[in-house]
Amino acid sequence: MYSGLDIVSEYCYDKYVGDALTNKALRELIAKEGIERLDLCGLDECGCVTATALGAVRRGIKAEILQRGTETVLPEGKVMKAHEKLRRTGVELV
């Protein structure tokens, strides 16, 4: 874990693929707590963040990507295509 990160809860989940919601324990927590929307940020907006947002929508959970909390290495044209796909699936970019 990044040493400059402030840990604010005991909820830490391993992620081995792009979509963080492939972690069963995380999905169980979301269901148990009745979470209906995820606010997402991360290192690669067009990679893991997008994969998790799309995974949320597939599972009936609303998703927002907090763009001020993300970055990407992709060129602008690919970013625009990713944004269009996200919008079509109901993911909000805020």
PDB file of N, CA and C in Angstrom:
ATOM      1  N   MET A   1       0.858  -1.175   0.000  1.00  0.00           N
ATOM      2  CA  MET A   1       0.000   0.000   0.000  1.00  0.00           C
ATOM      3  C   MET A   1       0.900   1.232   0.000  1.00  0.00           C
ATOM      4  N   TYR A   2       0.506   2.239  -0.729  1.00  0.00           N
ATOM      5  CA  TYR A   2       1.247   3.492  -0.813  1.00  0.00           C
ATOM      6  C   TYR A   2       1.390   4.106   0.568  1.00  0.00           C
ATOM      7  N   SER A   3       2.610   4.457   0.958  1.00  0.00           N
ATOM      8  CA  SER A   3       2.880   4.935   2.318  1.00  0.00           C
ATOM      9  C   SER A   3       2.222   6.279   2.628  1.00  0.00           C
ATOM     10  N   GLY A   4       1.913   7.084   1.624  1.00  0.00           N
ATOM     11  CA  GLY A   4       1.287   8.377   1.860  1.00  0.00           C
ATOM     12  C   GLY A   4      -0.224   8.326   1.941  1.00  0.00           C
ATOM     13  N   LEU A   5      -0.787   7.157   1.838  1.00  0.00           N
ATOM     14  CA  LEU A   5      -2.240   6.982   1.861  1.00  0.00           C
ATOM     15  C   LEU A   5      -2.749   6.946   3.290  1.00  0.00           C
ATOM     16  N   ASP A   6      -3.751   7.743   3.584  1.00  0.00           N
ATOM     17  CA  ASP A   6      -4.380   7.717   4.903  1.00  0.00           C
ATOM     18  C   ASP A   6      -5.411   6.596   4.937  1.00  0.00           C
ATOM     19  N   ILE A   7      -5.208   5.623   5.818  1.00  0.00           N
ATOM     20  CA  ILE A   7      -6.169   4.535   5.990  1.00  0.00           C
ATOM     21  C   ILE A   7      -7.244   5.030   6.956  1.00  0.00           C
ATOM     22  N   VAL A   8      -8.494   5.074   6.491  1.00  0.00           N
ATOM     23  CA  VAL A   8      -9.567   5.635   7.309  1.00  0.00           C
ATOM     24  C   VAL A   8     -10.571   4.585   7.777  1.00  0.00           C
ATOM     25  N   SER A   9     -10.355   3.333   7.401  1.00  0.00           N
ATOM     26  CA  SER A   9     -11.234   2.263   7.869  1.00  0.00           C
ATOM     27  C   SER A   9     -10.493   0.938   7.779  1.00  0.00           C
ATOM     28  N   GLU A  10     -11.126  -0.088   8.280  1.00  0.00           N
ATOM     29  CA  GLU A  10     -10.534  -1.425   8.211  1.00  0.00           C
ATOM     30  C   GLU A  10     -10.863  -2.133   6.899  1.00  0.00           C
ATOM     31  N   TYR A  11     -11.581  -1.461   6.018  1.00  0.00           N
ATOM     32  CA  TYR A  11     -12.004  -2.082   4.767  1.00  0.00           C
ATOM     33  C   TYR A  11     -10.921  -1.942   3.691  1.00  0.00           C
ATOM     34  N   CYS A  12     -10.137  -2.969   3.517  1.00  0.00           N
ATOM     35  CA  CYS A  12      -9.122  -3.024   2.470  1.00  0.00           C
ATOM     36  C   CYS A  12      -9.304  -4.340   1.730  1.00  0.00           C
ATOM     37  N   TYR A  13      -9.401  -4.268   0.397  1.00  0.00           N
ATOM     38  CA  TYR A  13      -9.670  -5.459  -0.401  1.00  0.00           C
ATOM     39  C   TYR A  13      -8.631  -5.589  -1.502  1.00  0.00           C
ATOM     40  N   ASP A  14      -8.167  -6.801  -1.711  1.00  0.00           N
ATOM     41  CA  ASP A  14      -7.225  -7.073  -2.793  1.00  0.00           C
ATOM     42  C   ASP A  14      -7.955  -7.047  -4.128  1.00  0.00           C
ATOM     43  N   LYS A  15      -7.237  -6.605  -5.151  1.00  0.00           N
ATOM     44  CA  LYS A  15      -7.790  -6.541  -6.499  1.00  0.00           C
ATOM     45  C   LYS A  15      -6.735  -7.115  -7.436  1.00  0.00           C
ATOM     46  N   TYR A  16      -7.108  -8.140  -8.189  1.00  0.00           N
ATOM     47  CA  TYR A  16      -6.166  -8.808  -9.079  1.00  0.00           C
ATOM     48  C   TYR A  16      -6.452  -8.573 -10.554  1.00  0.00           C
ATOM     49  N   VAL A  17      -7.609  -8.013 -10.856  1.00  0.00           N
ATOM     50  CA  VAL A  17      -7.986  -7.680 -12.233  1.00  0.00           C
ATOM     51  C   VAL A  17      -8.566  -6.268 -12.235  1.00  0.00           C
ATOM     52  N   GLY A  18      -8.845  -5.743 -13.406  1.00  0.00           N
ATOM     53  CA  GLY A  18      -9.314  -4.369 -13.525  1.00  0.00           C
ATOM     54  C   GLY A  18     -10.550  -4.038 -12.704  1.00  0.00           C
ATOM     55  N   ASP A  19     -11.562  -4.863 -12.790  1.00  0.00           N
ATOM     56  CA  ASP A  19     -12.824  -4.615 -12.095  1.00  0.00           C
ATOM     57  C   ASP A  19     -12.688  -5.004 -10.625  1.00  0.00           C
ATOM     58  N   ALA A  20     -12.633  -4.019  -9.749  1.00  0.00           N
ATOM     59  CA  ALA A  20     -12.485  -4.289  -8.309  1.00  0.00           C
ATOM     60  C   ALA A  20     -13.650  -5.100  -7.764  1.00  0.00           C
ATOM     61  N   LEU A  21     -14.796  -5.061  -8.440  1.00  0.00           N
ATOM     62  CA  LEU A  21     -15.973  -5.768  -7.955  1.00  0.00           C
ATOM     63  C   LEU A  21     -15.925  -7.268  -8.239  1.00  0.00           C
ATOM     64  N   THR A  22     -14.837  -7.743  -8.814  1.00  0.00           N
ATOM     65  CA  THR A  22     -14.667  -9.192  -8.910  1.00  0.00           C
ATOM     66  C   THR A  22     -14.323  -9.773  -7.542  1.00  0.00           C
ATOM     67  N   ASN A  23     -13.983  -8.910  -6.576  1.00  0.00           N
ATOM     68  CA  ASN A  23     -13.692  -9.357  -5.217  1.00  0.00           C
ATOM     69  C   ASN A  23     -15.020  -9.614  -4.496  1.00  0.00           C
ATOM     70  N   LYS A  24     -15.262 -10.872  -4.191  1.00  0.00           N
ATOM     71  CA  LYS A  24     -16.527 -11.280  -3.583  1.00  0.00           C
ATOM     72  C   LYS A  24     -16.774 -10.597  -2.243  1.00  0.00           C
ATOM     73  N   ALA A  25     -15.742 -10.471  -1.428  1.00  0.00           N
ATOM     74  CA  ALA A  25     -15.912  -9.845  -0.111  1.00  0.00           C
ATOM     75  C   ALA A  25     -16.331  -8.382  -0.255  1.00  0.00           C
ATOM     76  N   LEU A  26     -15.792  -7.689  -1.238  1.00  0.00           N
ATOM     77  CA  LEU A  26     -16.183  -6.297  -1.482  1.00  0.00           C
ATOM     78  C   LEU A  26     -17.637  -6.228  -1.928  1.00  0.00           C
ATOM     79  N   ARG A  27     -18.039  -7.098  -2.832  1.00  0.00           N
ATOM     80  CA  ARG A  27     -19.450  -7.120  -3.269  1.00  0.00           C
ATOM     81  C   ARG A  27     -20.374  -7.419  -2.102  1.00  0.00           C
ATOM     82  N   GLU A  28     -19.978  -8.323  -1.228  1.00  0.00           N
ATOM     83  CA  GLU A  28     -20.800  -8.654  -0.057  1.00  0.00           C
ATOM     84  C   GLU A  28     -20.951  -7.452   0.867  1.00  0.00           C
ATOM     85  N   LEU A  29     -19.878  -6.697   1.073  1.00  0.00           N
ATOM     86  CA  LEU A  29     -19.959  -5.493   1.901  1.00  0.00           C
ATOM     87  C   LEU A  29     -20.909  -4.475   1.279  1.00  0.00           C
ATOM     88  N   ILE A  30     -20.789  -4.271  -0.021  1.00  0.00           N
ATOM     89  CA  ILE A  30     -21.658  -3.318  -0.720  1.00  0.00           C
ATOM     90  C   ILE A  30     -23.122  -3.721  -0.550  1.00  0.00           C
ATOM     91  N   ALA A  31     -23.408  -4.997  -0.704  1.00  0.00           N
ATOM     92  CA  ALA A  31     -24.788  -5.483  -0.540  1.00  0.00           C
ATOM     93  C   ALA A  31     -25.251  -5.333   0.908  1.00  0.00           C
ATOM     94  N   LYS A  32     -24.407  -5.732   1.842  1.00  0.00           N
ATOM     95  CA  LYS A  32     -24.759  -5.678   3.268  1.00  0.00           C
ATOM     96  C   LYS A  32     -25.055  -4.249   3.718  1.00  0.00           C
ATOM     97  N   GLU A  33     -24.266  -3.311   3.231  1.00  0.00           N
ATOM     98  CA  GLU A  33     -24.428  -1.909   3.625  1.00  0.00           C
ATOM     99  C   GLU A  33     -25.488  -1.176   2.804  1.00  0.00           C
ATOM    100  N   GLY A  34     -26.039  -1.837   1.802  1.00  0.00           N
ATOM    101  CA  GLY A  34     -27.065  -1.219   0.971  1.00  0.00           C
ATOM    102  C   GLY A  34     -26.530  -0.080   0.114  1.00  0.00           C
ATOM    103  N   ILE A  35     -25.284  -0.172  -0.271  1.00  0.00           N
ATOM    104  CA  ILE A  35     -24.663   0.871  -1.091  1.00  0.00           C
ATOM    105  C   ILE A  35     -25.251   0.805  -2.500  1.00  0.00           C
ATOM    106  N   GLU A  36     -25.752   1.934  -2.969  1.00  0.00           N
ATOM    107  CA  GLU A  36     -26.409   1.989  -4.271  1.00  0.00           C
ATOM    108  C   GLU A  36     -25.599   2.733  -5.321  1.00  0.00           C
ATOM    109  N   ARG A  37     -24.550   3.477  -4.888  1.00  0.00           N
ATOM    110  CA  ARG A  37     -23.731   4.248  -5.822  1.00  0.00           C
ATOM    111  C   ARG A  37     -22.286   4.230  -5.358  1.00  0.00           C
ATOM    112  N   LEU A  38     -21.381   4.058  -6.321  1.00  0.00           N
ATOM    113  CA  LEU A  38     -19.956   4.115  -6.031  1.00  0.00           C
ATOM    114  C   LEU A  38     -19.375   5.370  -6.660  1.00  0.00           C
ATOM    115  N   ASP A  39     -18.593   6.117  -5.889  1.00  0.00           N
ATOM    116  CA  ASP A  39     -17.812   7.239  -6.399  1.00  0.00           C
ATOM    117  C   ASP A  39     -16.401   6.716  -6.582  1.00  0.00           C
ATOM    118  N   LEU A  40     -15.945   6.661  -7.823  1.00  0.00           N
ATOM    119  CA  LEU A  40     -14.686   6.000  -8.148  1.00  0.00           C
ATOM    120  C   LEU A  40     -13.597   6.982  -8.556  1.00  0.00           C
ATOM    121  N   CYS A  41     -12.387   6.679  -8.145  1.00  0.00           N
ATOM    122  CA  CYS A  41     -11.204   7.408  -8.596  1.00  0.00           C
ATOM    123  C   CYS A  41     -10.059   6.401  -8.621  1.00  0.00           C
ATOM    124  N   GLY A  42      -8.950   6.778  -9.235  1.00  0.00           N
ATOM    125  CA  GLY A  42      -7.829   5.858  -9.274  1.00  0.00           C
ATOM    126  C   GLY A  42      -6.773   6.285 -10.265  1.00  0.00           C
ATOM    127  N   LEU A  43      -5.774   5.463 -10.392  1.00  0.00           N
ATOM    128  CA  LEU A  43      -4.607   5.797 -11.194  1.00  0.00           C
ATOM    129  C   LEU A  43      -4.908   5.851 -12.688  1.00  0.00           C
ATOM    130  N   ASP A  44      -5.667   4.911 -13.209  1.00  0.00           N
ATOM    131  CA  ASP A  44      -5.912   4.901 -14.657  1.00  0.00           C
ATOM    132  C   ASP A  44      -7.407   4.922 -14.945  1.00  0.00           C
ATOM    133  N   GLU A  45      -7.893   6.110 -15.253  1.00  0.00           N
ATOM    134  CA  GLU A  45      -9.322   6.294 -15.518  1.00  0.00           C
ATOM    135  C   GLU A  45      -9.830   5.369 -16.613  1.00  0.00           C
ATOM    136  N   CYS A  46      -9.037   5.160 -17.659  1.00  0.00           N
ATOM    137  CA  CYS A  46      -9.481   4.349 -18.790  1.00  0.00           C
ATOM    138  C   CYS A  46      -9.117   2.880 -18.629  1.00  0.00           C
ATOM    139  N   GLY A  47      -8.584   2.508 -17.502  1.00  0.00           N
ATOM    140  CA  GLY A  47      -8.247   1.116 -17.223  1.00  0.00           C
ATOM    141  C   GLY A  47      -9.109   0.592 -16.093  1.00  0.00           C
ATOM    142  N   CYS A  48      -8.526   0.475 -14.935  1.00  0.00           N
ATOM    143  CA  CYS A  48      -9.209  -0.122 -13.783  1.00  0.00           C
ATOM    144  C   CYS A  48     -10.438   0.658 -13.337  1.00  0.00           C
ATOM    145  N   VAL A  49     -10.362   1.979 -13.395  1.00  0.00           N
ATOM    146  CA  VAL A  49     -11.503   2.782 -12.942  1.00  0.00           C
ATOM    147  C   VAL A  49     -12.702   2.539 -13.858  1.00  0.00           C
ATOM    148  N   THR A  50     -12.469   2.552 -15.164  1.00  0.00           N
ATOM    149  CA  THR A  50     -13.542   2.267 -16.115  1.00  0.00           C
ATOM    150  C   THR A  50     -14.054   0.838 -15.950  1.00  0.00           C
ATOM    151  N   ALA A  51     -13.157  -0.119 -15.787  1.00  0.00           N
ATOM    152  CA  ALA A  51     -13.574  -1.517 -15.620  1.00  0.00           C
ATOM    153  C   ALA A  51     -14.459  -1.675 -14.389  1.00  0.00           C
ATOM    154  N   THR A  52     -14.103  -1.021 -13.300  1.00  0.00           N
ATOM    155  CA  THR A  52     -14.906  -1.110 -12.081  1.00  0.00           C
ATOM    156  C   THR A  52     -16.249  -0.407 -12.261  1.00  0.00           C
ATOM    157  N   ALA A  53     -16.249   0.739 -12.933  1.00  0.00           N
ATOM    158  CA  ALA A  53     -17.509   1.450 -13.176  1.00  0.00           C
ATOM    159  C   ALA A  53     -18.459   0.602 -14.016  1.00  0.00           C
ATOM    160  N   LEU A  54     -17.941   0.013 -15.083  1.00  0.00           N
ATOM    161  CA  LEU A  54     -18.781  -0.838 -15.927  1.00  0.00           C
ATOM    162  C   LEU A  54     -19.226  -2.090 -15.169  1.00  0.00           C
ATOM    163  N   GLY A  55     -18.353  -2.629 -14.326  1.00  0.00           N
ATOM    164  CA  GLY A  55     -18.719  -3.776 -13.496  1.00  0.00           C
ATOM    165  C   GLY A  55     -19.820  -3.429 -12.514  1.00  0.00           C
ATOM    166  N   ALA A  56     -19.784  -2.217 -11.991  1.00  0.00           N
ATOM    167  CA  ALA A  56     -20.835  -1.773 -11.075  1.00  0.00           C
ATOM    168  C   ALA A  56     -22.178  -1.719 -11.794  1.00  0.00           C
ATOM    169  N   VAL A  57     -22.197  -1.099 -12.966  1.00  0.00           N
ATOM    170  CA  VAL A  57     -23.436  -0.975 -13.737  1.00  0.00           C
ATOM    171  C   VAL A  57     -23.997  -2.358 -14.064  1.00  0.00           C
ATOM    172  N   ARG A  58     -23.129  -3.295 -14.468  1.00  0.00           N
ATOM    173  CA  ARG A  58     -23.591  -4.664 -14.769  1.00  0.00           C
ATOM    174  C   ARG A  58     -24.234  -5.316 -13.546  1.00  0.00           C
ATOM    175  N   ARG A  59     -23.823  -4.897 -12.367  1.00  0.00           N
ATOM    176  CA  ARG A  59     -24.343  -5.482 -11.127  1.00  0.00           C
ATOM    177  C   ARG A  59     -25.472  -4.651 -10.522  1.00  0.00           C
ATOM    178  N   GLY A  60     -25.950  -3.652 -11.256  1.00  0.00           N
ATOM    179  CA  GLY A  60     -27.079  -2.850 -10.782  1.00  0.00           C
ATOM    180  C   GLY A  60     -26.704  -1.767  -9.785  1.00  0.00           C
ATOM    181  N   ILE A  61     -25.437  -1.366  -9.766  1.00  0.00           N
ATOM    182  CA  ILE A  61     -24.967  -0.323  -8.862  1.00  0.00           C
ATOM    183  C   ILE A  61     -24.622   0.902  -9.701  1.00  0.00           C
ATOM    184  N   LYS A  62     -25.100   2.066  -9.305  1.00  0.00           N
ATOM    185  CA  LYS A  62     -24.759   3.294 -10.011  1.00  0.00           C
ATOM    186  C   LYS A  62     -23.284   3.606  -9.778  1.00  0.00           C
ATOM    187  N   ALA A  63     -22.655   4.235 -10.759  1.00  0.00           N
ATOM    188  CA  ALA A  63     -21.242   4.575 -10.638  1.00  0.00           C
ATOM    189  C   ALA A  63     -20.976   5.975 -11.151  1.00  0.00           C
ATOM    190  N   GLU A  64     -20.120   6.682 -10.427  1.00  0.00           N
ATOM    191  CA  GLU A  64     -19.627   7.985 -10.841  1.00  0.00           C
ATOM    192  C   GLU A  64     -18.107   7.927 -10.824  1.00  0.00           C
ATOM    193  N   ILE A  65     -17.485   8.493 -11.832  1.00  0.00           N
ATOM    194  CA  ILE A  65     -16.030   8.614 -11.845  1.00  0.00           C
ATOM    195  C   ILE A  65     -15.683  10.054 -11.499  1.00  0.00           C
ATOM    196  N   LEU A  66     -14.918  10.217 -10.451  1.00  0.00           N
ATOM    197  CA  LEU A  66     -14.488  11.537 -10.001  1.00  0.00           C
ATOM    198  C   LEU A  66     -13.226  11.897 -10.779  1.00  0.00           C
ATOM    199  N   GLN A  67     -13.395  12.647 -11.844  1.00  0.00           N
ATOM    200  CA  GLN A  67     -12.294  12.901 -12.768  1.00  0.00           C
ATOM    201  C   GLN A  67     -11.127  13.655 -12.140  1.00  0.00           C
ATOM    202  N   ARG A  68     -11.371  14.456 -11.139  1.00  0.00           N
ATOM    203  CA  ARG A  68     -10.261  15.155 -10.475  1.00  0.00           C
ATOM    204  C   ARG A  68      -9.398  14.183  -9.676  1.00  0.00           C
ATOM    205  N   GLY A  69      -9.886  12.972  -9.477  1.00  0.00           N
ATOM    206  CA  GLY A  69      -9.135  11.965  -8.727  1.00  0.00           C
ATOM    207  C   GLY A  69      -8.594  10.853  -9.605  1.00  0.00           C
ATOM    208  N   THR A  70      -8.518  11.090 -10.924  1.00  0.00           N
ATOM    209  CA  THR A  70      -8.036  10.064 -11.841  1.00  0.00           C
ATOM    210  C   THR A  70      -7.037  10.657 -12.826  1.00  0.00           C
ATOM    211  N   GLU A  71      -6.326   9.795 -13.466  1.00  0.00           N
ATOM    212  CA  GLU A  71      -5.414  10.140 -14.565  1.00  0.00           C
ATOM    213  C   GLU A  71      -5.477   9.010 -15.576  1.00  0.00           C
ATOM    214  N   THR A  72      -4.866   9.207 -16.718  1.00  0.00           N
ATOM    215  CA  THR A  72      -4.738   8.150 -17.709  1.00  0.00           C
ATOM    216  C   THR A  72      -3.530   8.439 -18.585  1.00  0.00           C
ATOM    217  N   VAL A  73      -3.009   7.405 -19.198  1.00  0.00           N
ATOM    218  CA  VAL A  73      -1.874   7.566 -20.106  1.00  0.00           C
ATOM    219  C   VAL A  73      -2.319   7.494 -21.562  1.00  0.00           C
ATOM    220  N   LEU A  74      -3.594   7.257 -21.789  1.00  0.00           N
ATOM    221  CA  LEU A  74      -4.099   7.111 -23.157  1.00  0.00           C
ATOM    222  C   LEU A  74      -4.206   8.460 -23.859  1.00  0.00           C
ATOM    223  N   PRO A  75      -4.086   8.453 -25.192  1.00  0.00           N
ATOM    224  CA  PRO A  75      -4.272   9.695 -25.954  1.00  0.00           C
ATOM    225  C   PRO A  75      -5.731  10.155 -25.887  1.00  0.00           C
ATOM    226  N   GLU A  76      -5.928  11.434 -26.126  1.00  0.00           N
ATOM    227  CA  GLU A  76      -7.248  12.048 -25.965  1.00  0.00           C
ATOM    228  C   GLU A  76      -8.344  11.351 -26.768  1.00  0.00           C
ATOM    229  N   GLY A  77      -8.046  10.899 -27.983  1.00  0.00           N
ATOM    230  CA  GLY A  77      -9.065  10.234 -28.805  1.00  0.00           C
ATOM    231  C   GLY A  77      -9.608   8.983 -28.132  1.00  0.00           C
ATOM    232  N   LYS A  78      -8.732   8.189 -27.547  1.00  0.00           N
ATOM    233  CA  LYS A  78      -9.179   6.970 -26.851  1.00  0.00           C
ATOM    234  C   LYS A  78      -9.926   7.309 -25.575  1.00  0.00           C
ATOM    235  N   VAL A  79      -9.517   8.379 -24.918  1.00  0.00           N
ATOM    236  CA  VAL A  79     -10.214   8.809 -23.706  1.00  0.00           C
ATOM    237  C   VAL A  79     -11.638   9.215 -24.053  1.00  0.00           C
ATOM    238  N   MET A  80     -11.814   9.953 -25.142  1.00  0.00           N
ATOM    239  CA  MET A  80     -13.149  10.386 -25.554  1.00  0.00           C
ATOM    240  C   MET A  80     -14.040   9.190 -25.879  1.00  0.00           C
ATOM    241  N   LYS A  81     -13.485   8.161 -26.531  1.00  0.00           N
ATOM    242  CA  LYS A  81     -14.255   6.945 -26.818  1.00  0.00           C
ATOM    243  C   LYS A  81     -14.658   6.241 -25.531  1.00  0.00           C
ATOM    244  N   ALA A  82     -13.739   6.174 -24.580  1.00  0.00           N
ATOM    245  CA  ALA A  82     -14.051   5.541 -23.291  1.00  0.00           C
ATOM    246  C   ALA A  82     -15.145   6.321 -22.572  1.00  0.00           C
ATOM    247  N   HIS A  83     -15.061   7.652 -22.595  1.00  0.00           N
ATOM    248  CA  HIS A  83     -16.078   8.479 -21.944  1.00  0.00           C
ATOM    249  C   HIS A  83     -17.450   8.255 -22.577  1.00  0.00           C
ATOM    250  N   GLU A  84     -17.490   8.154 -23.895  1.00  0.00           N
ATOM    251  CA  GLU A  84     -18.760   7.917 -24.579  1.00  0.00           C
ATOM    252  C   GLU A  84     -19.364   6.578 -24.156  1.00  0.00           C
ATOM    253  N   LYS A  85     -18.533   5.543 -24.100  1.00  0.00           N
ATOM    254  CA  LYS A  85     -19.016   4.227 -23.665  1.00  0.00           C
ATOM    255  C   LYS A  85     -19.545   4.292 -22.241  1.00  0.00           C
ATOM    256  N   LEU A  86     -18.830   4.975 -21.366  1.00  0.00           N
ATOM    257  CA  LEU A  86     -19.276   5.113 -19.977  1.00  0.00           C
ATOM    258  C   LEU A  86     -20.619   5.829 -19.906  1.00  0.00           C
ATOM    259  N   ARG A  87     -20.739   6.917 -20.621  1.00  0.00           N
ATOM    260  CA  ARG A  87     -22.009   7.675 -20.604  1.00  0.00           C
ATOM    261  C   ARG A  87     -23.161   6.831 -21.124  1.00  0.00           C
ATOM    262  N   ARG A  88     -22.916   6.052 -22.202  1.00  0.00           N
ATOM    263  CA  ARG A  88     -23.975   5.198 -22.760  1.00  0.00           C
ATOM    264  C   ARG A  88     -24.459   4.175 -21.736  1.00  0.00           C
ATOM    265  N   THR A  89     -23.572   3.722 -20.879  1.00  0.00           N
ATOM    266  CA  THR A  89     -23.970   2.701 -19.903  1.00  0.00           C
ATOM    267  C   THR A  89     -24.511   3.308 -18.614  1.00  0.00           C
ATOM    268  N   GLY A  90     -24.525   4.647 -18.528  1.00  0.00           N
ATOM    269  CA  GLY A  90     -25.104   5.297 -17.361  1.00  0.00           C
ATOM    270  C   GLY A  90     -24.097   5.729 -16.312  1.00  0.00           C
ATOM    271  N   VAL A  91     -22.807   5.582 -16.593  1.00  0.00           N
ATOM    272  CA  VAL A  91     -21.787   6.049 -15.660  1.00  0.00           C
ATOM    273  C   VAL A  91     -21.662   7.566 -15.792  1.00  0.00           C
ATOM    274  N   GLU A  92     -21.665   8.253 -14.658  1.00  0.00           N
ATOM    275  CA  GLU A  92     -21.508   9.700 -14.679  1.00  0.00           C
ATOM    276  C   GLU A  92     -20.037  10.065 -14.517  1.00  0.00           C
ATOM    277  N   LEU A  93     -19.620  11.075 -15.247  1.00  0.00           N
ATOM    278  CA  LEU A  93     -18.266  11.626 -15.119  1.00  0.00           C
ATOM    279  C   LEU A  93     -18.403  12.979 -14.448  1.00  0.00           C
ATOM    280  N   VAL A  94     -17.924  13.082 -13.242  1.00  0.00           N
ATOM    281  CA  VAL A  94     -18.065  14.335 -12.478  1.00  0.00           C
ATOM    282  C   VAL A  94     -16.717  14.900 -12.094  1.00  0.00           C
TER     283      VAL A  94
END
